[in-house]
PDB file of N, CA and C in Angstrom:
ATOM      1  N   MET A   1      58.403  15.759  35.637  1.00  0.00           N
ATOM      2  CA  MET A   1      57.773  15.785  36.946  1.00  0.00           C
ATOM      3  C   MET A   1      56.541  16.690  36.911  1.00  0.00           C
ATOM      4  N   ARG A   2      55.459  16.206  37.498  1.00  0.00           N
ATOM      5  CA  ARG A   2      54.217  16.969  37.546  1.00  0.00           C
ATOM      6  C   ARG A   2      54.273  18.049  38.609  1.00  0.00           C
ATOM      7  N   PRO A   3      53.600  19.169  38.324  1.00  0.00           N
ATOM      8  CA  PRO A   3      53.510  20.193  39.371  1.00  0.00           C
ATOM      9  C   PRO A   3      52.658  19.696  40.536  1.00  0.00           C
ATOM     10  N   ILE A   4      52.892  20.250  41.691  1.00  0.00           N
ATOM     11  CA  ILE A   4      52.097  19.917  42.871  1.00  0.00           C
ATOM     12  C   ILE A   4      51.507  21.214  43.405  1.00  0.00           C
ATOM     13  N   LYS A   5      50.191  21.249  43.486  1.00  0.00           N
ATOM     14  CA  LYS A   5      49.501  22.414  44.030  1.00  0.00           C
ATOM     15  C   LYS A   5      48.223  21.938  44.713  1.00  0.00           C
ATOM     16  N   PRO A   6      48.096  22.203  45.988  1.00  0.00           N
ATOM     17  CA  PRO A   6      46.853  21.838  46.668  1.00  0.00           C
ATOM     18  C   PRO A   6      45.682  22.654  46.115  1.00  0.00           C
ATOM     19  N   ALA A   7      44.528  22.029  46.015  1.00  0.00           N
ATOM     20  CA  ALA A   7      43.325  22.742  45.591  1.00  0.00           C
ATOM     21  C   ALA A   7      42.759  23.497  46.786  1.00  0.00           C
ATOM     22  N   ASP A   8      42.221  24.658  46.523  1.00  0.00           N
ATOM     23  CA  ASP A   8      41.554  25.411  47.580  1.00  0.00           C
ATOM     24  C   ASP A   8      40.156  24.853  47.838  1.00  0.00           C
ATOM     25  N   GLY A   9      39.714  23.979  46.944  1.00  0.00           N
ATOM     26  CA  GLY A   9      38.418  23.340  47.112  1.00  0.00           C
ATOM     27  C   GLY A   9      38.121  22.424  45.949  1.00  0.00           C
ATOM     28  N   VAL A  10      37.158  21.551  46.145  1.00  0.00           N
ATOM     29  CA  VAL A  10      36.698  20.646  45.096  1.00  0.00           C
ATOM     30  C   VAL A  10      35.202  20.896  44.935  1.00  0.00           C
ATOM     31  N   LEU A  11      34.799  21.187  43.702  1.00  0.00           N
ATOM     32  CA  LEU A  11      33.413  21.514  43.395  1.00  0.00           C
ATOM     33  C   LEU A  11      32.836  20.504  42.412  1.00  0.00           C
ATOM     34  N   PHE A  12      31.537  20.365  42.411  1.00  0.00           N
ATOM     35  CA  PHE A  12      30.858  19.541  41.412  1.00  0.00           C
ATOM     36  C   PHE A  12      30.314  20.475  40.339  1.00  0.00           C
ATOM     37  N   ALA A  13      30.387  20.043  39.087  1.00  0.00           N
ATOM     38  CA  ALA A  13      29.993  20.888  37.969  1.00  0.00           C
ATOM     39  C   ALA A  13      28.498  21.173  37.922  1.00  0.00           C
ATOM     40  N   ASN A  14      27.700  20.267  38.488  1.00  0.00           N
ATOM     41  CA  ASN A  14      26.259  20.514  38.491  1.00  0.00           C
ATOM     42  C   ASN A  14      25.606  19.866  39.707  1.00  0.00           C
ATOM     43  N   TYR A  15      24.408  20.307  39.957  1.00  0.00           N
ATOM     44  CA  TYR A  15      23.664  19.880  41.137  1.00  0.00           C
ATOM     45  C   TYR A  15      23.356  18.382  41.111  1.00  0.00           C
ATOM     46  N   GLU A  16      22.993  17.856  39.943  1.00  0.00           N
ATOM     47  CA  GLU A  16      22.633  16.437  39.835  1.00  0.00           C
ATOM     48  C   GLU A  16      23.814  15.537  40.193  1.00  0.00           C
ATOM     49  N   LEU A  17      24.976  15.911  39.720  1.00  0.00           N
ATOM     50  CA  LEU A  17      26.190  15.140  39.995  1.00  0.00           C
ATOM     51  C   LEU A  17      26.491  15.128  41.498  1.00  0.00           C
ATOM     52  N   GLU A  18      26.394  16.289  42.110  1.00  0.00           N
ATOM     53  CA  GLU A  18      26.637  16.389  43.549  1.00  0.00           C
ATOM     54  C   GLU A  18      25.563  15.655  44.343  1.00  0.00           C
ATOM     55  N   SER A  19      24.309  15.782  43.923  1.00  0.00           N
ATOM     56  CA  SER A  19      23.208  15.108  44.617  1.00  0.00           C
ATOM     57  C   SER A  19      23.375  13.596  44.582  1.00  0.00           C
ATOM     58  N   PHE A  20      23.768  13.068  43.417  1.00  0.00           N
ATOM     59  CA  PHE A  20      23.983  11.630  43.307  1.00  0.00           C
ATOM     60  C   PHE A  20      25.094  11.191  44.253  1.00  0.00           C
ATOM     61  N   TYR A  21      26.192  11.931  44.273  1.00  0.00           N
ATOM     62  CA  TYR A  21      27.312  11.630  45.170  1.00  0.00           C
ATOM     63  C   TYR A  21      26.842  11.626  46.632  1.00  0.00           C
ATOM     64  N   LEU A  22      26.098  12.647  47.019  1.00  0.00           N
ATOM     65  CA  LEU A  22      25.630  12.749  48.402  1.00  0.00           C
ATOM     66  C   LEU A  22      24.630  11.655  48.762  1.00  0.00           C
ATOM     67  N   SER A  23      23.912  11.140  47.777  1.00  0.00           N
ATOM     68  CA  SER A  23      22.909  10.105  48.044  1.00  0.00           C
ATOM     69  C   SER A  23      23.522   8.715  48.236  1.00  0.00           C
ATOM     70  N   LEU A  24      24.780   8.555  47.837  1.00  0.00           N
ATOM     71  CA  LEU A  24      25.426   7.250  47.977  1.00  0.00           C
ATOM     72  C   LEU A  24      25.667   6.918  49.444  1.00  0.00           C
ATOM     73  N   SER A  25      25.526   5.664  49.781  1.00  0.00           N
ATOM     74  CA  SER A  25      25.812   5.193  51.137  1.00  0.00           C
ATOM     75  C   SER A  25      27.307   5.345  51.408  1.00  0.00           C
ATOM     76  N   GLU A  26      27.648   5.616  52.651  1.00  0.00           N
ATOM     77  CA  GLU A  26      29.061   5.747  53.027  1.00  0.00           C
ATOM     78  C   GLU A  26      29.837   4.453  52.770  1.00  0.00           C
ATOM     79  N   ASN A  27      29.141   3.323  52.715  1.00  0.00           N
ATOM     80  CA  ASN A  27      29.786   2.030  52.478  1.00  0.00           C
ATOM     81  C   ASN A  27      29.870   1.662  51.001  1.00  0.00           C
ATOM     82  N   ASP A  28      29.271   2.468  50.143  1.00  0.00           N
ATOM     83  CA  ASP A  28      29.271   2.202  48.706  1.00  0.00           C
ATOM     84  C   ASP A  28      30.698   2.348  48.161  1.00  0.00           C
ATOM     85  N   TRP A  29      31.126   1.411  47.320  1.00  0.00           N
ATOM     86  CA  TRP A  29      32.487   1.454  46.771  1.00  0.00           C
ATOM     87  C   TRP A  29      32.735   2.738  45.991  1.00  0.00           C
ATOM     88  N   LEU A  30      31.698   3.222  45.289  1.00  0.00           N
ATOM     89  CA  LEU A  30      31.871   4.437  44.490  1.00  0.00           C
ATOM     90  C   LEU A  30      32.061   5.652  45.393  1.00  0.00           C
ATOM     91  N   LYS A  31      31.285   5.752  46.453  1.00  0.00           N
ATOM     92  CA  LYS A  31      31.418   6.883  47.386  1.00  0.00           C
ATOM     93  C   LYS A  31      32.797   6.869  48.030  1.00  0.00           C
ATOM     94  N   LYS A  32      33.254   5.694  48.456  1.00  0.00           N
ATOM     95  CA  LYS A  32      34.587   5.590  49.060  1.00  0.00           C
ATOM     96  C   LYS A  32      35.654   6.016  48.061  1.00  0.00           C
ATOM     97  N   SER A  33      35.506   5.572  46.819  1.00  0.00           N
ATOM     98  CA  SER A  33      36.478   5.911  45.775  1.00  0.00           C
ATOM     99  C   SER A  33      36.466   7.402  45.479  1.00  0.00           C
ATOM    100  N   LEU A  34      35.282   7.970  45.375  1.00  0.00           N
ATOM    101  CA  LEU A  34      35.181   9.409  45.119  1.00  0.00           C
ATOM    102  C   LEU A  34      35.767  10.212  46.278  1.00  0.00           C
ATOM    103  N   ASN A  35      35.540   9.761  47.493  1.00  0.00           N
ATOM    104  CA  ASN A  35      36.132  10.444  48.656  1.00  0.00           C
ATOM    105  C   ASN A  35      37.655  10.426  48.594  1.00  0.00           C
ATOM    106  N   ARG A  36      38.219   9.288  48.179  1.00  0.00           N
ATOM    107  CA  ARG A  36      39.679   9.197  48.056  1.00  0.00           C
ATOM    108  C   ARG A  36      40.197  10.159  46.979  1.00  0.00           C
ATOM    109  N   VAL A  37      39.507  10.212  45.849  1.00  0.00           N
ATOM    110  CA  VAL A  37      39.931  11.111  44.767  1.00  0.00           C
ATOM    111  C   VAL A  37      39.785  12.565  45.198  1.00  0.00           C
ATOM    112  N   ILE A  38      38.703  12.893  45.854  1.00  0.00           N
ATOM    113  CA  ILE A  38      38.519  14.271  46.336  1.00  0.00           C
ATOM    114  C   ILE A  38      39.659  14.653  47.270  1.00  0.00           C
ATOM    115  N   GLN A  39      40.059  13.745  48.137  1.00  0.00           N
ATOM    116  CA  GLN A  39      41.183  14.019  49.038  1.00  0.00           C
ATOM    117  C   GLN A  39      42.480  14.217  48.246  1.00  0.00           C
ATOM    118  N   LYS A  40      42.700  13.363  47.234  1.00  0.00           N
ATOM    119  CA  LYS A  40      43.888  13.510  46.374  1.00  0.00           C
ATOM    120  C   LYS A  40      43.891  14.860  45.666  1.00  0.00           C
ATOM    121  N   LEU A  41      42.735  15.284  45.187  1.00  0.00           N
ATOM    122  CA  LEU A  41      42.636  16.573  44.497  1.00  0.00           C
ATOM    123  C   LEU A  41      42.914  17.729  45.455  1.00  0.00           C
ATOM    124  N   LYS A  42      42.462  17.602  46.687  1.00  0.00           N
ATOM    125  CA  LYS A  42      42.742  18.640  47.680  1.00  0.00           C
ATOM    126  C   LYS A  42      44.246  18.747  47.944  1.00  0.00           C
ATOM    127  N   GLU A  43      44.928  17.605  47.891  1.00  0.00           N
ATOM    128  CA  GLU A  43      46.376  17.591  48.130  1.00  0.00           C
ATOM    129  C   GLU A  43      47.163  18.055  46.915  1.00  0.00           C
ATOM    130  N   ASN A  44      46.675  17.706  45.713  1.00  0.00           N
ATOM    131  CA  ASN A  44      47.351  18.105  44.485  1.00  0.00           C
ATOM    132  C   ASN A  44      46.360  18.122  43.328  1.00  0.00           C
ATOM    133  N   VAL A  45      45.983  19.307  42.908  1.00  0.00           N
ATOM    134  CA  VAL A  45      45.001  19.451  41.841  1.00  0.00           C
ATOM    135  C   VAL A  45      45.511  18.890  40.501  1.00  0.00           C
ATOM    136  N   PHE A  46      46.809  18.685  40.379  1.00  0.00           N
ATOM    137  CA  PHE A  46      47.399  18.155  39.146  1.00  0.00           C
ATOM    138  C   PHE A  46      47.617  16.641  39.186  1.00  0.00           C
ATOM    139  N   CYS A  47      46.948  15.935  40.085  1.00  0.00           N
ATOM    140  CA  CYS A  47      47.191  14.495  40.252  1.00  0.00           C
ATOM    141  C   CYS A  47      46.680  13.651  39.083  1.00  0.00           C
ATOM    142  N   GLY A  48      45.781  14.180  38.280  1.00  0.00           N
ATOM    143  CA  GLY A  48      45.219  13.424  37.165  1.00  0.00           C
ATOM    144  C   GLY A  48      46.073  13.490  35.909  1.00  0.00           C
ATOM    145  N   GLU A  49      45.617  12.774  34.895  1.00  0.00           N
ATOM    146  CA  GLU A  49      46.272  12.762  33.586  1.00  0.00           C
ATOM    147  C   GLU A  49      45.562  13.768  32.677  1.00  0.00           C
ATOM    148  N   ARG A  50      46.344  14.592  32.012  1.00  0.00           N
ATOM    149  CA  ARG A  50      45.767  15.586  31.095  1.00  0.00           C
ATOM    150  C   ARG A  50      45.152  14.933  29.871  1.00  0.00           C
ATOM    151  N   ILE A  51      44.062  15.508  29.429  1.00  0.00           N
ATOM    152  CA  ILE A  51      43.418  15.123  28.177  1.00  0.00           C
ATOM    153  C   ILE A  51      43.741  16.230  27.177  1.00  0.00           C
ATOM    154  N   LYS A  52      44.205  15.856  25.995  1.00  0.00           N
ATOM    155  CA  LYS A  52      44.571  16.852  24.988  1.00  0.00           C
ATOM    156  C   LYS A  52      43.384  17.760  24.691  1.00  0.00           C
ATOM    157  N   LYS A  53      43.692  19.050  24.472  1.00  0.00           N
ATOM    158  CA  LYS A  53      42.636  20.038  24.228  1.00  0.00           C
ATOM    159  C   LYS A  53      41.701  19.643  23.098  1.00  0.00           C
ATOM    160  N   GLU A  54      42.258  19.071  22.034  1.00  0.00           N
ATOM    161  CA  GLU A  54      41.418  18.715  20.892  1.00  0.00           C
ATOM    162  C   GLU A  54      40.484  17.536  21.192  1.00  0.00           C
ATOM    163  N   LEU A  55      40.722  16.829  22.288  1.00  0.00           N
ATOM    164  CA  LEU A  55      39.873  15.705  22.672  1.00  0.00           C
ATOM    165  C   LEU A  55      38.809  16.081  23.721  1.00  0.00           C
ATOM    166  N   ILE A  56      38.864  17.310  24.220  1.00  0.00           N
ATOM    167  CA  ILE A  56      37.864  17.737  25.202  1.00  0.00           C
ATOM    168  C   ILE A  56      36.515  17.819  24.492  1.00  0.00           C
ATOM    169  N   PRO A  57      35.504  17.105  24.997  1.00  0.00           N
ATOM    170  CA  PRO A  57      34.188  17.163  24.359  1.00  0.00           C
ATOM    171  C   PRO A  57      33.664  18.601  24.260  1.00  0.00           C
ATOM    172  N   LYS A  58      33.175  18.952  23.095  1.00  0.00           N
ATOM    173  CA  LYS A  58      32.657  20.314  22.852  1.00  0.00           C
ATOM    174  C   LYS A  58      31.550  20.663  23.848  1.00  0.00           C
ATOM    175  N   GLU A  59      30.772  19.665  24.224  1.00  0.00           N
ATOM    176  CA  GLU A  59      29.687  19.922  25.177  1.00  0.00           C
ATOM    177  C   GLU A  59      30.234  20.406  26.526  1.00  0.00           C
ATOM    178  N   TYR A  60      31.391  19.883  26.948  1.00  0.00           N
ATOM    179  CA  TYR A  60      32.016  20.346  28.195  1.00  0.00           C
ATOM    180  C   TYR A  60      32.452  21.805  28.061  1.00  0.00           C
ATOM    181  N   ILE A  61      33.064  22.122  26.940  1.00  0.00           N
ATOM    182  CA  ILE A  61      33.550  23.490  26.712  1.00  0.00           C
ATOM    183  C   ILE A  61      32.379  24.468  26.724  1.00  0.00           C
ATOM    184  N   LYS A  62      31.319  24.093  26.017  1.00  0.00           N
ATOM    185  CA  LYS A  62      30.144  24.952  25.915  1.00  0.00           C
ATOM    186  C   LYS A  62      29.427  25.095  27.262  1.00  0.00           C
ATOM    187  N   LYS A  63      29.218  23.980  27.939  1.00  0.00           N
ATOM    188  CA  LYS A  63      28.436  23.963  29.169  1.00  0.00           C
ATOM    189  C   LYS A  63      29.179  24.550  30.372  1.00  0.00           C
ATOM    190  N   TYR A  64      30.490  24.265  30.457  1.00  0.00           N
ATOM    191  CA  TYR A  64      31.240  24.655  31.651  1.00  0.00           C
ATOM    192  C   TYR A  64      32.312  25.708  31.393  1.00  0.00           C
ATOM    193  N   SER A  65      32.462  26.150  30.143  1.00  0.00           N
ATOM    194  CA  SER A  65      33.466  27.167  29.785  1.00  0.00           C
ATOM    195  C   SER A  65      34.861  26.794  30.269  1.00  0.00           C
ATOM    196  N   ILE A  66      35.248  25.550  30.022  1.00  0.00           N
ATOM    197  CA  ILE A  66      36.570  25.080  30.466  1.00  0.00           C
ATOM    198  C   ILE A  66      37.542  25.053  29.295  1.00  0.00           C
ATOM    199  N   ASN A  67      38.828  25.092  29.615  1.00  0.00           N
ATOM    200  CA  ASN A  67      39.858  24.983  28.577  1.00  0.00           C
ATOM    201  C   ASN A  67      40.911  23.934  28.943  1.00  0.00           C
ATOM    202  N   ASN A  68      40.636  23.163  29.985  1.00  0.00           N
ATOM    203  CA  ASN A  68      41.536  22.066  30.362  1.00  0.00           C
ATOM    204  C   ASN A  68      40.683  20.944  30.953  1.00  0.00           C
ATOM    205  N   LEU A  69      41.191  19.723  30.827  1.00  0.00           N
ATOM    206  CA  LEU A  69      40.468  18.573  31.343  1.00  0.00           C
ATOM    207  C   LEU A  69      41.474  17.503  31.725  1.00  0.00           C
ATOM    208  N   LEU A  70      41.229  16.878  32.858  1.00  0.00           N
ATOM    209  CA  LEU A  70      42.080  15.805  33.339  1.00  0.00           C
ATOM    210  C   LEU A  70      41.194  14.635  33.728  1.00  0.00           C
ATOM    211  N   TRP A  71      41.783  13.461  33.824  1.00  0.00           N
ATOM    212  CA  TRP A  71      41.037  12.286  34.263  1.00  0.00           C
ATOM    213  C   TRP A  71      41.871  11.535  35.286  1.00  0.00           C
ATOM    214  N   THR A  72      41.167  10.782  36.102  1.00  0.00           N
ATOM    215  CA  THR A  72      41.828   9.907  37.060  1.00  0.00           C
ATOM    216  C   THR A  72      41.023   8.612  37.144  1.00  0.00           C
ATOM    217  N   LEU A  73      41.724   7.564  37.447  1.00  0.00           N
ATOM    218  CA  LEU A  73      41.136   6.229  37.485  1.00  0.00           C
ATOM    219  C   LEU A  73      40.414   5.996  38.811  1.00  0.00           C
ATOM    220  N   LEU A  74      39.257   5.350  38.709  1.00  0.00           N
ATOM    221  CA  LEU A  74      38.516   4.871  39.868  1.00  0.00           C
ATOM    222  C   LEU A  74      38.485   3.347  39.781  1.00  0.00           C
ATOM    223  N   PRO A  75      38.160   2.645  40.853  1.00  0.00           N
ATOM    224  CA  PRO A  75      38.066   1.180  40.788  1.00  0.00           C
ATOM    225  C   PRO A  75      37.011   0.721  39.769  1.00  0.00           C
ATOM    226  N   ASN A  76      37.096  -0.553  39.405  1.00  0.00           N
ATOM    227  CA  ASN A  76      36.147  -1.172  38.474  1.00  0.00           C
ATOM    228  C   ASN A  76      36.147  -0.509  37.108  1.00  0.00           C
ATOM    229  N   ALA A  77      37.304   0.012  36.707  1.00  0.00           N
ATOM    230  CA  ALA A  77      37.506   0.651  35.398  1.00  0.00           C
ATOM    231  C   ALA A  77      36.651   1.904  35.206  1.00  0.00           C
ATOM    232  N   TRP A  78      36.253   2.552  36.273  1.00  0.00           N
ATOM    233  CA  TRP A  78      35.542   3.816  36.183  1.00  0.00           C
ATOM    234  C   TRP A  78      36.549   4.944  36.022  1.00  0.00           C
ATOM    235  N   ARG A  79      36.081   6.090  35.552  1.00  0.00           N
ATOM    236  CA  ARG A  79      36.916   7.272  35.361  1.00  0.00           C
ATOM    237  C   ARG A  79      36.214   8.485  35.964  1.00  0.00           C
ATOM    238  N   LEU A  80      37.004   9.421  36.438  1.00  0.00           N
ATOM    239  CA  LEU A  80      36.495  10.706  36.879  1.00  0.00           C
ATOM    240  C   LEU A  80      37.206  11.755  36.045  1.00  0.00           C
ATOM    241  N   VAL A  81      36.448  12.671  35.442  1.00  0.00           N
ATOM    242  CA  VAL A  81      37.061  13.753  34.676  1.00  0.00           C
ATOM    243  C   VAL A  81      36.794  15.066  35.402  1.00  0.00           C
ATOM    244  N   TYR A  82      37.807  15.928  35.403  1.00  0.00           N
ATOM    245  CA  TYR A  82      37.693  17.193  36.115  1.00  0.00           C
ATOM    246  C   TYR A  82      38.498  18.267  35.402  1.00  0.00           C
ATOM    247  N   SER A  83      38.210  19.487  35.759  1.00  0.00           N
ATOM    248  CA  SER A  83      38.923  20.628  35.211  1.00  0.00           C
ATOM    249  C   SER A  83      39.522  21.420  36.369  1.00  0.00           C
ATOM    250  N   ILE A  84      40.563  22.138  36.076  1.00  0.00           N
ATOM    251  CA  ILE A  84      41.182  23.020  37.074  1.00  0.00           C
ATOM    252  C   ILE A  84      40.731  24.437  36.739  1.00  0.00           C
ATOM    253  N   ILE A  85      40.098  25.080  37.711  1.00  0.00           N
ATOM    254  CA  ILE A  85      39.615  26.436  37.486  1.00  0.00           C
ATOM    255  C   ILE A  85      40.173  27.360  38.554  1.00  0.00           C
ATOM    256  N   GLY A  86      40.287  28.612  38.210  1.00  0.00           N
ATOM    257  CA  GLY A  86      40.777  29.608  39.156  1.00  0.00           C
ATOM    258  C   GLY A  86      39.725  30.669  39.391  1.00  0.00           C
ATOM    259  N   HIS A  87      39.728  31.194  40.604  1.00  0.00           N
ATOM    260  CA  HIS A  87      38.812  32.272  40.947  1.00  0.00           C
ATOM    261  C   HIS A  87      39.436  33.087  42.071  1.00  0.00           C
ATOM    262  N   GLU A  88      39.671  34.362  41.807  1.00  0.00           N
ATOM    263  CA  GLU A  88      40.231  35.270  42.814  1.00  0.00           C
ATOM    264  C   GLU A  88      41.430  34.670  43.543  1.00  0.00           C
ATOM    265  N   TYR A  89      42.445  34.304  42.799  1.00  0.00           N
ATOM    266  CA  TYR A  89      43.705  33.785  43.339  1.00  0.00           C
ATOM    267  C   TYR A  89      43.565  32.434  44.036  1.00  0.00           C
ATOM    268  N   LYS A  90      42.487  31.736  43.774  1.00  0.00           N
ATOM    269  CA  LYS A  90      42.295  30.407  44.343  1.00  0.00           C
ATOM    270  C   LYS A  90      42.180  29.406  43.208  1.00  0.00           C
ATOM    271  N   THR A  91      42.527  28.155  43.510  1.00  0.00           N
ATOM    272  CA  THR A  91      42.483  27.086  42.520  1.00  0.00           C
ATOM    273  C   THR A  91      41.517  26.010  43.000  1.00  0.00           C
ATOM    274  N   PHE A  92      40.615  25.612  42.105  1.00  0.00           N
ATOM    275  CA  PHE A  92      39.622  24.605  42.426  1.00  0.00           C
ATOM    276  C   PHE A  92      39.657  23.466  41.420  1.00  0.00           C
ATOM    277  N   ALA A  93      39.307  22.281  41.884  1.00  0.00           N
ATOM    278  CA  ALA A  93      39.076  21.145  40.990  1.00  0.00           C
ATOM    279  C   ALA A  93      37.567  21.096  40.779  1.00  0.00           C
ATOM    280  N   LEU A  94      37.161  21.102  39.518  1.00  0.00           N
ATOM    281  CA  LEU A  94      35.749  21.058  39.167  1.00  0.00           C
ATOM    282  C   LEU A  94      35.442  19.677  38.597  1.00  0.00           C
ATOM    283  N   ILE A  95      34.743  18.858  39.375  1.00  0.00           N
ATOM    284  CA  ILE A  95      34.399  17.507  38.918  1.00  0.00           C
ATOM    285  C   ILE A  95      33.296  17.631  37.878  1.00  0.00           C
ATOM    286  N   ILE A  96      33.612  17.189  36.662  1.00  0.00           N
ATOM    287  CA  ILE A  96      32.684  17.304  35.540  1.00  0.00           C
ATOM    288  C   ILE A  96      31.779  16.077  35.454  1.00  0.00           C
ATOM    289  N   GLU A  97      32.403  14.890  35.577  1.00  0.00           N
ATOM    290  CA  GLU A  97      31.632  13.666  35.383  1.00  0.00           C
ATOM    291  C   GLU A  97      32.433  12.484  35.915  1.00  0.00           C
ATOM    292  N   TYR A  98      31.719  11.451  36.326  1.00  0.00           N
ATOM    293  CA  TYR A  98      32.354  10.164  36.643  1.00  0.00           C
ATOM    294  C   TYR A  98      31.465   9.078  36.081  1.00  0.00           C
ATOM    295  N   PHE A  99      32.109   8.075  35.477  1.00  0.00           N
ATOM    296  CA  PHE A  99      31.361   7.046  34.770  1.00  0.00           C
ATOM    297  C   PHE A  99      32.201   5.819  34.535  1.00  0.00           C
ATOM    298  N   ASP A 100      31.527   4.733  34.093  1.00  0.00           N
ATOM    299  CA  ASP A 100      32.261   3.505  33.805  1.00  0.00           C
ATOM    300  C   ASP A 100      33.055   3.667  32.512  1.00  0.00           C
ATOM    301  N   HIS A 101      33.950   2.730  32.264  1.00  0.00           N
ATOM    302  CA  HIS A 101      34.857   2.847  31.127  1.00  0.00           C
ATOM    303  C   HIS A 101      34.111   2.871  29.790  1.00  0.00           C
ATOM    304  N   LYS A 102      33.061   2.092  29.694  1.00  0.00           N
ATOM    305  CA  LYS A 102      32.280   2.040  28.447  1.00  0.00           C
ATOM    306  C   LYS A 102      31.708   3.421  28.113  1.00  0.00           C
ATOM    307  N   ASN A 103      31.121   4.083  29.096  1.00  0.00           N
ATOM    308  CA  ASN A 103      30.558   5.416  28.873  1.00  0.00           C
ATOM    309  C   ASN A 103      31.647   6.471  28.690  1.00  0.00           C
ATOM    310  N   TYR A 104      32.790   6.270  29.339  1.00  0.00           N
ATOM    311  CA  TYR A 104      33.943   7.159  29.143  1.00  0.00           C
ATOM    312  C   TYR A 104      34.391   7.089  27.685  1.00  0.00           C
ATOM    313  N   GLU A 105      34.535   5.882  27.164  1.00  0.00           N
ATOM    314  CA  GLU A 105      34.939   5.718  25.766  1.00  0.00           C
ATOM    315  C   GLU A 105      33.910   6.336  24.821  1.00  0.00           C
ATOM    316  N   ARG A 106      32.644   6.154  25.128  1.00  0.00           N
ATOM    317  CA  ARG A 106      31.579   6.710  24.302  1.00  0.00           C
ATOM    318  C   ARG A 106      31.660   8.251  24.310  1.00  0.00           C
ATOM    319  N   ARG A 107      31.851   8.841  25.482  1.00  0.00           N
ATOM    320  CA  ARG A 107      31.913  10.292  25.609  1.00  0.00           C
ATOM    321  C   ARG A 107      33.080  10.883  24.814  1.00  0.00           C
ATOM    322  N   PHE A 108      34.212  10.176  24.827  1.00  0.00           N
ATOM    323  CA  PHE A 108      35.407  10.699  24.170  1.00  0.00           C
ATOM    324  C   PHE A 108      35.629  10.127  22.765  1.00  0.00           C
ATOM    325  N   GLY A 109      34.702   9.278  22.313  1.00  0.00           N
ATOM    326  CA  GLY A 109      34.767   8.768  20.957  1.00  0.00           C
ATOM    327  C   GLY A 109      35.909   7.826  20.683  1.00  0.00           C
ATOM    328  N   TYR A 110      36.310   7.041  21.682  1.00  0.00           N
ATOM    329  CA  TYR A 110      37.408   6.076  21.486  1.00  0.00           C
ATOM    330  C   TYR A 110      36.878   4.803  20.896  1.00  0.00           C
TER     331      TYR A 110
END
């Protein structure tokens, strides 16, 4: 059984990622899907599937100083990858990237 812990917040790993999300129309399938995932993360930060530490892209570790990574499915075979981070007794979901399956496979070398 997976742990259940509500996130104290959901953050985007970089400005460009957040800007793209904010620029999407409210009727866009991707925006609706991301909103649903953000809500799921707020309810349970552990809702995603863990990615083994040895499979975490080195660029993520270097750029974001993370030591854990999870993914969750979006419609149209897209994926969202995120990390769980803590700060002053709070837990946050840090959205690292979202992309189609082809780019997901490329990023993780599958």
